[in-house]
Amino acid sequence: MKRNATAQWQGSVKEGKGSITTQSTTLNNTQYSFNSRFEDGVGTNPEELVAAAHAGCFTMQLSAFLTEGGFSVGNIKTKCEINLVTGSIIGSHLTVEAEISGISNEDFQALVTKAEQNCPISKLLNTEITSTATLV
């Protein structure tokens, strides 16, 4: 399987603007700019998109491991924070809240760690990955 996205940019890095379109067109000429990346401008940015990808991938991987373990998955909510410092992503932190029937906190934490280490986006990122997970 292959997926793709396209980015287009016009102008200088600070004054220019760009757009991103995904293969599915969920993002369709979605704007991004220096301001949306480094300040509070309107639009998305690459780090936000990486955060969305990591949160989504991890959550699906955790659901798969929970299901394989025989647990009933009610709801899993994951927030991902990407930390960009001096032009490098230095970390990705996952904050997880989950409703899972019949699982001990110890087993849950073990599966969170397993998903953190094994989701395809985690494997792609060359950075420290951490998590905080809570059963609700």
N, C-alpha and C. Protein backbone atom coordinates (compact mmCIF):
# COMPACT_ATOMS: atom_id res chain seq x y z
N MET A 1 0.84 -1.17 0.00
CA MET A 1 0.00 0.00 0.00
C MET A 1 0.89 1.24 0.00
N LYS A 2 0.53 2.21 -0.78
CA LYS A 2 1.21 3.49 -0.81
C LYS A 2 0.16 4.59 -0.69
N ARG A 3 0.48 5.62 0.05
CA ARG A 3 -0.38 6.79 0.19
C ARG A 3 0.45 8.01 -0.16
N ASN A 4 -0.22 9.12 -0.54
CA ASN A 4 0.55 10.30 -0.90
C ASN A 4 -0.15 11.58 -0.50
N ALA A 5 0.62 12.61 -0.46
CA ALA A 5 0.13 13.98 -0.24
C ALA A 5 1.03 14.90 -1.06
N THR A 6 0.50 16.05 -1.38
CA THR A 6 1.24 17.01 -2.20
C THR A 6 1.26 18.35 -1.49
N ALA A 7 2.44 18.97 -1.48
CA ALA A 7 2.58 20.31 -0.93
C ALA A 7 3.01 21.25 -2.05
N GLN A 8 2.47 22.45 -2.00
CA GLN A 8 2.83 23.49 -2.96
C GLN A 8 3.18 24.75 -2.18
N TRP A 9 4.21 25.46 -2.59
CA TRP A 9 4.65 26.67 -1.90
C TRP A 9 4.93 27.76 -2.91
N GLN A 10 4.53 29.00 -2.55
CA GLN A 10 4.80 30.16 -3.41
C GLN A 10 5.41 31.26 -2.55
N GLY A 11 6.55 31.79 -2.98
CA GLY A 11 7.14 32.93 -2.30
C GLY A 11 8.23 32.54 -1.33
N SER A 12 8.71 33.54 -0.60
CA SER A 12 9.78 33.33 0.37
C SER A 12 9.24 32.58 1.59
N VAL A 13 10.15 32.10 2.42
CA VAL A 13 9.72 31.30 3.56
C VAL A 13 8.85 32.08 4.53
N LYS A 14 9.16 33.34 4.80
CA LYS A 14 8.38 34.12 5.77
C LYS A 14 7.13 34.75 5.18
N GLU A 15 7.21 35.23 3.97
CA GLU A 15 6.06 35.92 3.37
C GLU A 15 5.23 35.03 2.47
N GLY A 16 5.77 33.89 2.12
CA GLY A 16 5.07 33.00 1.20
C GLY A 16 3.92 32.26 1.84
N LYS A 17 3.32 31.41 1.05
CA LYS A 17 2.21 30.59 1.54
C LYS A 17 2.19 29.31 0.74
N GLY A 18 1.55 28.31 1.32
CA GLY A 18 1.47 27.03 0.66
C GLY A 18 0.15 26.35 0.90
N SER A 19 0.02 25.21 0.26
CA SER A 19 -1.17 24.38 0.47
C SER A 19 -0.77 22.92 0.43
N ILE A 20 -1.54 22.13 1.14
CA ILE A 20 -1.30 20.69 1.22
C ILE A 20 -2.59 19.98 0.83
N THR A 21 -2.46 18.96 -0.02
CA THR A 21 -3.60 18.14 -0.42
C THR A 21 -3.23 16.68 -0.23
N THR A 22 -4.12 15.93 0.42
CA THR A 22 -3.88 14.51 0.62
C THR A 22 -4.58 13.71 -0.47
N GLN A 23 -4.11 12.50 -0.67
CA GLN A 23 -4.68 11.61 -1.68
C GLN A 23 -6.19 11.47 -1.51
N SER A 24 -6.64 11.37 -0.28
CA SER A 24 -8.08 11.19 -0.01
C SER A 24 -8.86 12.49 -0.18
N THR A 25 -8.16 13.58 -0.30
CA THR A 25 -8.69 14.96 -0.33
C THR A 25 -9.35 15.38 0.98
N THR A 26 -9.07 14.64 2.07
CA THR A 26 -9.51 15.12 3.38
C THR A 26 -8.88 16.47 3.64
N LEU A 27 -7.62 16.60 3.29
CA LEU A 27 -6.99 17.92 3.21
C LEU A 27 -6.97 18.26 1.72
N ASN A 28 -7.59 19.36 1.36
CA ASN A 28 -7.69 19.74 -0.04
C ASN A 28 -7.31 21.21 -0.17
N ASN A 29 -6.10 21.45 -0.63
CA ASN A 29 -5.55 22.80 -0.70
C ASN A 29 -5.62 23.49 0.66
N THR A 30 -5.31 22.73 1.70
CA THR A 30 -5.29 23.26 3.07
C THR A 30 -4.09 24.16 3.23
N GLN A 31 -4.33 25.37 3.69
CA GLN A 31 -3.25 26.36 3.75
C GLN A 31 -2.28 26.11 4.88
N TYR A 32 -1.04 26.48 4.62
CA TYR A 32 -0.02 26.53 5.66
C TYR A 32 0.96 27.64 5.31
N SER A 33 1.63 28.14 6.34
CA SER A 33 2.52 29.29 6.15
C SER A 33 3.53 29.33 7.29
N PHE A 34 4.46 30.26 7.19
CA PHE A 34 5.40 30.49 8.28
C PHE A 34 4.64 30.79 9.56
N ASN A 35 3.61 31.64 9.48
CA ASN A 35 2.83 32.00 10.66
C ASN A 35 2.10 30.81 11.26
N SER A 36 1.54 29.94 10.44
CA SER A 36 0.82 28.78 11.00
C SER A 36 1.78 27.74 11.56
N ARG A 37 3.03 27.82 11.15
CA ARG A 37 4.01 26.86 11.65
C ARG A 37 4.72 27.36 12.90
N PHE A 38 5.11 28.62 12.92
CA PHE A 38 5.95 29.13 14.00
C PHE A 38 5.29 30.18 14.88
N GLU A 39 4.09 30.62 14.50
CA GLU A 39 3.39 31.62 15.30
C GLU A 39 1.95 31.16 15.47
N ASP A 40 0.98 32.04 15.36
CA ASP A 40 -0.42 31.67 15.55
C ASP A 40 -1.26 31.93 14.31
N GLY A 41 -0.71 31.68 13.14
CA GLY A 41 -1.45 31.93 11.91
C GLY A 41 -2.49 30.87 11.64
N VAL A 42 -3.39 31.17 10.72
CA VAL A 42 -4.45 30.26 10.31
C VAL A 42 -3.87 29.23 9.35
N GLY A 43 -4.21 27.99 9.55
CA GLY A 43 -3.74 26.92 8.68
C GLY A 43 -3.06 25.84 9.49
N THR A 44 -2.58 24.84 8.80
CA THR A 44 -1.92 23.72 9.45
C THR A 44 -0.42 23.89 9.38
N ASN A 45 0.31 22.87 9.78
CA ASN A 45 1.77 22.87 9.66
C ASN A 45 2.25 21.42 9.71
N PRO A 46 3.48 21.17 9.25
CA PRO A 46 3.96 19.79 9.22
C PRO A 46 3.95 19.09 10.57
N GLU A 47 4.29 19.79 11.64
CA GLU A 47 4.34 19.15 12.95
C GLU A 47 2.95 18.75 13.43
N GLU A 48 1.96 19.56 13.16
CA GLU A 48 0.58 19.23 13.50
C GLU A 48 0.13 17.98 12.73
N LEU A 49 0.53 17.88 11.48
CA LEU A 49 0.16 16.72 10.68
C LEU A 49 0.86 15.46 11.17
N VAL A 50 2.12 15.58 11.60
CA VAL A 50 2.83 14.45 12.19
C VAL A 50 2.13 14.03 13.48
N ALA A 51 1.72 15.01 14.29
CA ALA A 51 1.01 14.70 15.54
C ALA A 51 -0.29 13.95 15.25
N ALA A 52 -1.03 14.39 14.25
CA ALA A 52 -2.28 13.71 13.89
C ALA A 52 -2.00 12.28 13.42
N ALA A 53 -0.97 12.13 12.61
CA ALA A 53 -0.61 10.79 12.12
C ALA A 53 -0.20 9.88 13.26
N HIS A 54 0.61 10.41 14.18
CA HIS A 54 1.09 9.57 15.28
C HIS A 54 -0.06 9.20 16.22
N ALA A 55 -0.92 10.16 16.55
CA ALA A 55 -2.06 9.87 17.42
C ALA A 55 -2.98 8.82 16.79
N GLY A 56 -3.27 8.99 15.52
CA GLY A 56 -4.16 8.05 14.84
C GLY A 56 -3.57 6.66 14.73
N CYS A 57 -2.31 6.58 14.33
CA CYS A 57 -1.64 5.29 14.16
C CYS A 57 -1.51 4.56 15.49
N PHE A 58 -1.03 5.26 16.51
CA PHE A 58 -0.88 4.65 17.84
C PHE A 58 -2.21 4.13 18.36
N THR A 59 -3.27 4.92 18.24
CA THR A 59 -4.58 4.55 18.77
C THR A 59 -5.11 3.29 18.09
N MET A 60 -4.94 3.21 16.77
CA MET A 60 -5.37 2.00 16.07
C MET A 60 -4.53 0.80 16.50
N GLN A 61 -3.22 0.99 16.67
CA GLN A 61 -2.34 -0.11 17.08
C GLN A 61 -2.71 -0.59 18.49
N LEU A 62 -2.97 0.35 19.40
CA LEU A 62 -3.38 -0.03 20.75
C LEU A 62 -4.68 -0.81 20.71
N SER A 63 -5.64 -0.36 19.92
CA SER A 63 -6.91 -1.08 19.79
C SER A 63 -6.68 -2.50 19.29
N ALA A 64 -5.78 -2.66 18.33
CA ALA A 64 -5.49 -4.00 17.81
C ALA A 64 -4.90 -4.89 18.90
N PHE A 65 -3.94 -4.38 19.66
CA PHE A 65 -3.33 -5.18 20.72
C PHE A 65 -4.33 -5.51 21.82
N LEU A 66 -5.19 -4.57 22.17
CA LEU A 66 -6.22 -4.83 23.18
C LEU A 66 -7.19 -5.91 22.70
N THR A 67 -7.61 -5.81 21.44
CA THR A 67 -8.54 -6.79 20.87
C THR A 67 -7.89 -8.17 20.82
N GLU A 68 -6.61 -8.21 20.38
CA GLU A 68 -5.89 -9.49 20.36
C GLU A 68 -5.78 -10.10 21.75
N GLY A 69 -5.72 -9.25 22.79
CA GLY A 69 -5.63 -9.72 24.16
C GLY A 69 -6.97 -10.13 24.75
N GLY A 70 -8.04 -9.99 23.97
CA GLY A 70 -9.37 -10.40 24.41
C GLY A 70 -10.13 -9.35 25.20
N PHE A 71 -9.65 -8.11 25.16
CA PHE A 71 -10.31 -7.04 25.90
C PHE A 71 -11.32 -6.31 25.02
N SER A 72 -12.37 -5.81 25.65
CA SER A 72 -13.40 -5.05 24.95
C SER A 72 -13.04 -3.57 24.98
N VAL A 73 -12.85 -3.00 23.81
CA VAL A 73 -12.45 -1.60 23.69
C VAL A 73 -13.70 -0.73 23.63
N GLY A 74 -13.85 0.14 24.64
CA GLY A 74 -14.96 1.08 24.63
C GLY A 74 -14.58 2.32 23.85
N ASN A 75 -13.58 3.04 24.32
CA ASN A 75 -13.15 4.28 23.68
C ASN A 75 -11.68 4.53 24.02
N ILE A 76 -10.94 4.97 23.04
CA ILE A 76 -9.55 5.38 23.25
C ILE A 76 -9.40 6.77 22.66
N LYS A 77 -8.89 7.69 23.47
CA LYS A 77 -8.64 9.06 23.00
C LYS A 77 -7.15 9.35 23.22
N THR A 78 -6.46 9.74 22.15
CA THR A 78 -5.03 10.01 22.24
C THR A 78 -4.73 11.41 21.71
N LYS A 79 -4.01 12.17 22.51
CA LYS A 79 -3.49 13.47 22.09
C LYS A 79 -1.99 13.30 21.89
N CYS A 80 -1.47 13.80 20.79
CA CYS A 80 -0.04 13.72 20.52
C CYS A 80 0.52 15.14 20.46
N GLU A 81 1.59 15.36 21.20
CA GLU A 81 2.29 16.64 21.17
C GLU A 81 3.67 16.42 20.57
N ILE A 82 3.93 17.09 19.46
CA ILE A 82 5.22 17.05 18.80
C ILE A 82 6.02 18.25 19.29
N ASN A 83 7.26 18.01 19.71
CA ASN A 83 8.11 19.06 20.24
C ASN A 83 9.18 19.42 19.22
N LEU A 84 9.05 20.61 18.62
CA LEU A 84 10.01 21.11 17.64
C LEU A 84 10.89 22.15 18.31
N VAL A 85 12.19 21.90 18.34
CA VAL A 85 13.15 22.81 18.96
C VAL A 85 14.31 23.02 17.99
N THR A 86 14.59 24.26 17.68
CA THR A 86 15.72 24.64 16.83
C THR A 86 15.77 23.80 15.55
N GLY A 87 14.62 23.67 14.90
CA GLY A 87 14.57 22.99 13.62
C GLY A 87 14.59 21.47 13.66
N SER A 88 14.47 20.88 14.85
CA SER A 88 14.45 19.42 14.96
C SER A 88 13.29 18.97 15.84
N ILE A 89 12.62 17.91 15.43
CA ILE A 89 11.62 17.29 16.29
C ILE A 89 12.38 16.48 17.32
N ILE A 90 12.24 16.87 18.58
CA ILE A 90 13.00 16.21 19.64
C ILE A 90 12.14 15.27 20.49
N GLY A 91 10.84 15.21 20.20
CA GLY A 91 10.00 14.32 20.97
C GLY A 91 8.58 14.28 20.49
N SER A 92 7.93 13.18 20.81
CA SER A 92 6.51 12.99 20.57
C SER A 92 5.93 12.40 21.84
N HIS A 93 4.97 13.10 22.45
CA HIS A 93 4.36 12.62 23.69
C HIS A 93 2.89 12.30 23.44
N LEU A 94 2.51 11.10 23.79
CA LEU A 94 1.14 10.62 23.63
C LEU A 94 0.44 10.64 24.99
N THR A 95 -0.71 11.29 25.06
CA THR A 95 -1.53 11.29 26.26
C THR A 95 -2.79 10.49 25.92
N VAL A 96 -2.99 9.40 26.63
CA VAL A 96 -4.03 8.43 26.29
C VAL A 96 -5.05 8.33 27.42
N GLU A 97 -6.31 8.36 27.07
CA GLU A 97 -7.41 8.04 27.98
C GLU A 97 -8.22 6.93 27.32
N ALA A 98 -8.49 5.86 28.06
CA ALA A 98 -9.17 4.73 27.45
C ALA A 98 -10.20 4.11 28.38
N GLU A 99 -11.28 3.67 27.79
CA GLU A 99 -12.30 2.89 28.48
C GLU A 99 -12.18 1.46 27.96
N ILE A 100 -11.63 0.58 28.79
CA ILE A 100 -11.40 -0.80 28.39
C ILE A 100 -11.95 -1.71 29.49
N SER A 101 -12.83 -2.61 29.12
CA SER A 101 -13.44 -3.51 30.10
C SER A 101 -12.49 -4.64 30.48
N GLY A 102 -12.41 -4.91 31.78
CA GLY A 102 -11.74 -6.09 32.28
C GLY A 102 -10.23 -6.11 32.21
N ILE A 103 -9.59 -4.97 32.10
CA ILE A 103 -8.13 -4.95 32.01
C ILE A 103 -7.54 -4.33 33.28
N SER A 104 -6.45 -4.89 33.73
CA SER A 104 -5.75 -4.28 34.87
C SER A 104 -4.91 -3.12 34.36
N ASN A 105 -4.60 -2.19 35.25
CA ASN A 105 -3.76 -1.06 34.85
C ASN A 105 -2.39 -1.54 34.37
N GLU A 106 -1.85 -2.57 35.02
CA GLU A 106 -0.54 -3.10 34.63
C GLU A 106 -0.57 -3.64 33.20
N ASP A 107 -1.60 -4.42 32.86
CA ASP A 107 -1.71 -4.95 31.50
C ASP A 107 -1.95 -3.83 30.49
N PHE A 108 -2.75 -2.85 30.88
CA PHE A 108 -3.02 -1.71 30.00
C PHE A 108 -1.74 -0.95 29.70
N GLN A 109 -0.95 -0.65 30.73
CA GLN A 109 0.30 0.09 30.53
C GLN A 109 1.26 -0.69 29.64
N ALA A 110 1.30 -2.01 29.80
CA ALA A 110 2.17 -2.84 28.97
C ALA A 110 1.75 -2.77 27.50
N LEU A 111 0.45 -2.79 27.25
CA LEU A 111 -0.02 -2.72 25.86
C LEU A 111 0.17 -1.32 25.28
N VAL A 112 0.06 -0.29 26.11
CA VAL A 112 0.34 1.07 25.65
C VAL A 112 1.80 1.16 25.20
N THR A 113 2.70 0.64 26.01
CA THR A 113 4.12 0.66 25.66
C THR A 113 4.37 -0.14 24.38
N LYS A 114 3.73 -1.29 24.26
CA LYS A 114 3.89 -2.12 23.06
C LYS A 114 3.40 -1.37 21.82
N ALA A 115 2.25 -0.69 21.93
CA ALA A 115 1.73 0.07 20.79
C ALA A 115 2.63 1.27 20.48
N GLU A 116 3.13 1.91 21.52
CA GLU A 116 4.04 3.05 21.36
C GLU A 116 5.28 2.64 20.56
N GLN A 117 5.77 1.44 20.80
CA GLN A 117 6.98 0.97 20.14
C GLN A 117 6.73 0.35 18.77
N ASN A 118 5.48 -0.05 18.48
CA ASN A 118 5.23 -0.83 17.28
C ASN A 118 4.33 -0.21 16.23
N CYS A 119 3.69 0.93 16.52
CA CYS A 119 2.87 1.50 15.45
C CYS A 119 3.81 2.02 14.35
N PRO A 120 3.40 1.93 13.09
CA PRO A 120 4.28 2.31 11.99
C PRO A 120 4.81 3.75 12.07
N ILE A 121 4.03 4.68 12.58
CA ILE A 121 4.52 6.06 12.67
C ILE A 121 5.57 6.17 13.76
N SER A 122 5.40 5.46 14.89
CA SER A 122 6.45 5.44 15.91
C SER A 122 7.75 4.91 15.33
N LYS A 123 7.65 3.87 14.52
CA LYS A 123 8.85 3.30 13.90
C LYS A 123 9.50 4.28 12.93
N LEU A 124 8.70 5.12 12.31
CA LEU A 124 9.20 6.10 11.35
C LEU A 124 9.95 7.25 12.03
N LEU A 125 9.44 7.66 13.18
CA LEU A 125 10.01 8.82 13.86
C LEU A 125 11.36 8.48 14.49
N ASN A 126 12.33 9.32 14.26
CA ASN A 126 13.65 9.14 14.85
C ASN A 126 13.77 10.13 16.00
N THR A 127 12.99 9.90 17.05
CA THR A 127 12.93 10.81 18.18
C THR A 127 12.48 10.07 19.43
N GLU A 128 12.59 10.71 20.56
CA GLU A 128 12.09 10.12 21.81
C GLU A 128 10.57 10.11 21.79
N ILE A 129 9.99 8.97 22.12
CA ILE A 129 8.54 8.84 22.19
C ILE A 129 8.19 8.47 23.63
N THR A 130 7.30 9.27 24.24
CA THR A 130 6.86 9.02 25.60
C THR A 130 5.35 8.98 25.63
N SER A 131 4.81 8.49 26.75
CA SER A 131 3.35 8.47 26.88
C SER A 131 2.93 8.54 28.33
N THR A 132 1.71 9.01 28.51
CA THR A 132 1.01 8.99 29.78
C THR A 132 -0.34 8.39 29.48
N ALA A 133 -0.71 7.31 30.18
CA ALA A 133 -1.95 6.62 29.86
C ALA A 133 -2.80 6.43 31.12
N THR A 134 -4.10 6.69 30.96
CA THR A 134 -5.04 6.61 32.07
C THR A 134 -6.25 5.80 31.65
N LEU A 135 -6.63 4.85 32.48
CA LEU A 135 -7.90 4.14 32.29
C LEU A 135 -8.99 5.00 32.91
N VAL A 136 -10.08 5.19 32.21
CA VAL A 136 -11.20 5.97 32.74
C VAL A 136 -12.44 5.11 32.83
